[in-house]
C-alpha atoms as a PDB file:
ATOM      1  CA  UNK A   1     -62.537  62.311  20.396  1.00  0.00           C
ATOM      2  CA  UNK A   2     -63.634  59.934  22.995  1.00  0.00           C
ATOM      3  CA  UNK A   3     -67.123  58.734  23.770  1.00  0.00           C
ATOM      4  CA  UNK A   4     -68.474  56.333  26.632  1.00  0.00           C
ATOM      5  CA  UNK A   5     -70.736  54.116  24.751  1.00  0.00           C
ATOM      6  CA  UNK A   6     -72.866  50.896  24.892  1.00  0.00           C
ATOM      7  CA  UNK A   7     -74.144  49.881  21.581  1.00  0.00           C
ATOM      8  CA  UNK A   8     -74.565  46.779  19.116  1.00  0.00           C
ATOM      9  CA  UNK A   9     -72.947  48.487  16.368  1.00  0.00           C
ATOM     10  CA  UNK A  10     -70.460  51.322  16.016  1.00  0.00           C
ATOM     11  CA  UNK A  11     -69.123  52.421  12.744  1.00  0.00           C
ATOM     12  CA  UNK A  12     -66.537  55.156  11.890  1.00  0.00           C
ATOM     13  CA  UNK A  13     -65.192  56.279   8.737  1.00  0.00           C
ATOM     14  CA  UNK A  14     -62.163  58.180   7.991  1.00  0.00           C
ATOM     15  CA  UNK A  15     -61.981  60.374   4.866  1.00  0.00           C
ATOM     16  CA  UNK A  16     -58.980  61.921   3.137  1.00  0.00           C
ATOM     17  CA  UNK A  17     -56.209  60.681   5.528  1.00  0.00           C
ATOM     18  CA  UNK A  18     -53.411  62.188   3.908  1.00  0.00           C
ATOM     19  CA  UNK A  19     -49.948  63.001   5.325  1.00  0.00           C
ATOM     20  CA  UNK A  20     -47.661  65.303   3.710  1.00  0.00           C
ATOM     21  CA  UNK A  21     -44.734  65.411   5.793  1.00  0.00           C
ATOM     22  CA  UNK A  22     -43.476  63.921   9.100  1.00  0.00           C
ATOM     23  CA  UNK A  23     -44.392  60.648  10.949  1.00  0.00           C
ATOM     24  CA  UNK A  24     -48.257  60.336  11.821  1.00  0.00           C
ATOM     25  CA  UNK A  25     -50.710  57.289  13.103  1.00  0.00           C
ATOM     26  CA  UNK A  26     -54.222  57.210  13.613  1.00  0.00           C
ATOM     27  CA  UNK A  27     -55.728  54.401  15.773  1.00  0.00           C
ATOM     28  CA  UNK A  28     -59.201  53.443  17.064  1.00  0.00           C
ATOM     29  CA  UNK A  29     -59.037  52.299  20.743  1.00  0.00           C
ATOM     30  CA  UNK A  30     -61.539  50.787  23.116  1.00  0.00           C
ATOM     31  CA  UNK A  31     -60.719  51.222  26.822  1.00  0.00           C
ATOM     32  CA  UNK A  32     -56.966  52.122  25.850  1.00  0.00           C
ATOM     33  CA  UNK A  33     -56.699  49.199  23.814  1.00  0.00           C
ATOM     34  CA  UNK A  34     -56.130  49.456  19.845  1.00  0.00           C
ATOM     35  CA  UNK A  35     -58.350  47.809  17.939  1.00  0.00           C
ATOM     36  CA  UNK A  36     -57.721  49.195  14.821  1.00  0.00           C
ATOM     37  CA  UNK A  37     -55.044  51.266  12.801  1.00  0.00           C
ATOM     38  CA  UNK A  38     -56.140  53.241   9.971  1.00  0.00           C
ATOM     39  CA  UNK A  39     -53.803  53.541   6.955  1.00  0.00           C
ATOM     40  CA  UNK A  40     -52.545  56.805   5.621  1.00  0.00           C
ATOM     41  CA  UNK A  41     -53.115  58.252   2.291  1.00  0.00           C
ATOM     42  CA  UNK A  42     -56.372  56.612   1.652  1.00  0.00           C
ATOM     43  CA  UNK A  43     -59.411  58.013   0.126  1.00  0.00           C
ATOM     44  CA  UNK A  44     -62.038  56.337   2.734  1.00  0.00           C
ATOM     45  CA  UNK A  45     -61.869  53.769   5.470  1.00  0.00           C
ATOM     46  CA  UNK A  46     -64.705  52.330   7.448  1.00  0.00           C
ATOM     47  CA  UNK A  47     -64.337  49.978  10.468  1.00  0.00           C
ATOM     48  CA  UNK A  48     -67.139  48.805  12.350  1.00  0.00           C
ATOM     49  CA  UNK A  49     -67.239  47.463  16.074  1.00  0.00           C
ATOM     50  CA  UNK A  50     -70.037  45.367  17.420  1.00  0.00           C
ATOM     51  CA  UNK A  51     -71.330  44.916  20.818  1.00  0.00           C
ATOM     52  CA  UNK A  52     -69.208  47.816  22.055  1.00  0.00           C
ATOM     53  CA  UNK A  53     -69.222  48.746  26.027  1.00  0.00           C
ATOM     54  CA  UNK A  54     -66.679  51.207  27.195  1.00  0.00           C
ATOM     55  CA  UNK A  55     -64.689  54.346  25.973  1.00  0.00           C
ATOM     56  CA  UNK A  56     -63.903  54.577  22.162  1.00  0.00           C
ATOM     57  CA  UNK A  57     -61.524  56.882  21.082  1.00  0.00           C
ATOM     58  CA  UNK A  58     -59.829  58.017  17.939  1.00  0.00           C
ATOM     59  CA  UNK A  59     -56.208  58.863  18.966  1.00  0.00           C
ATOM     60  CA  UNK A  60     -53.474  60.292  16.317  1.00  0.00           C
ATOM     61  CA  UNK A  61     -49.925  60.856  16.997  1.00  0.00           C
ATOM     62  CA  UNK A  62     -47.312  62.676  15.050  1.00  0.00           C
ATOM     63  CA  UNK A  63     -43.938  64.148  14.932  1.00  0.00           C
ATOM     64  CA  UNK A  64     -43.005  66.861  12.623  1.00  0.00           C
ATOM     65  CA  UNK A  65     -46.142  65.995  10.782  1.00  0.00           C
ATOM     66  CA  UNK A  66     -48.461  67.734   8.253  1.00  0.00           C
ATOM     67  CA  UNK A  67     -51.697  66.149   7.722  1.00  0.00           C
ATOM     68  CA  UNK A  68     -55.392  66.264   7.074  1.00  0.00           C
ATOM     69  CA  UNK A  69     -58.271  64.130   7.548  1.00  0.00           C
ATOM     70  CA  UNK A  70     -62.284  64.107   8.487  1.00  0.00           C
ATOM     71  CA  UNK A  71     -64.340  61.408   9.893  1.00  0.00           C
ATOM     72  CA  UNK A  72     -67.885  60.598  10.765  1.00  0.00           C
ATOM     73  CA  UNK A  73     -69.380  58.246  13.091  1.00  0.00           C
ATOM     74  CA  UNK A  74     -72.949  56.163  12.556  1.00  0.00           C
END
């Protein structure tokens, strides 16, 4: 996903980030710059950005990957 935002606080939680096979990476970017890399095979992870202005995106990359996850934004 990608959102153009201006906010004092942006919170994203990734749940059940599980990789069963292959290579996989999940990162949070602001204006195409990686600001956080999410760990794999974790039950729940929350990352908070403060004073955000720009394009925020959750990006995933995989090679022959079998994976699952869900997320929500506050």
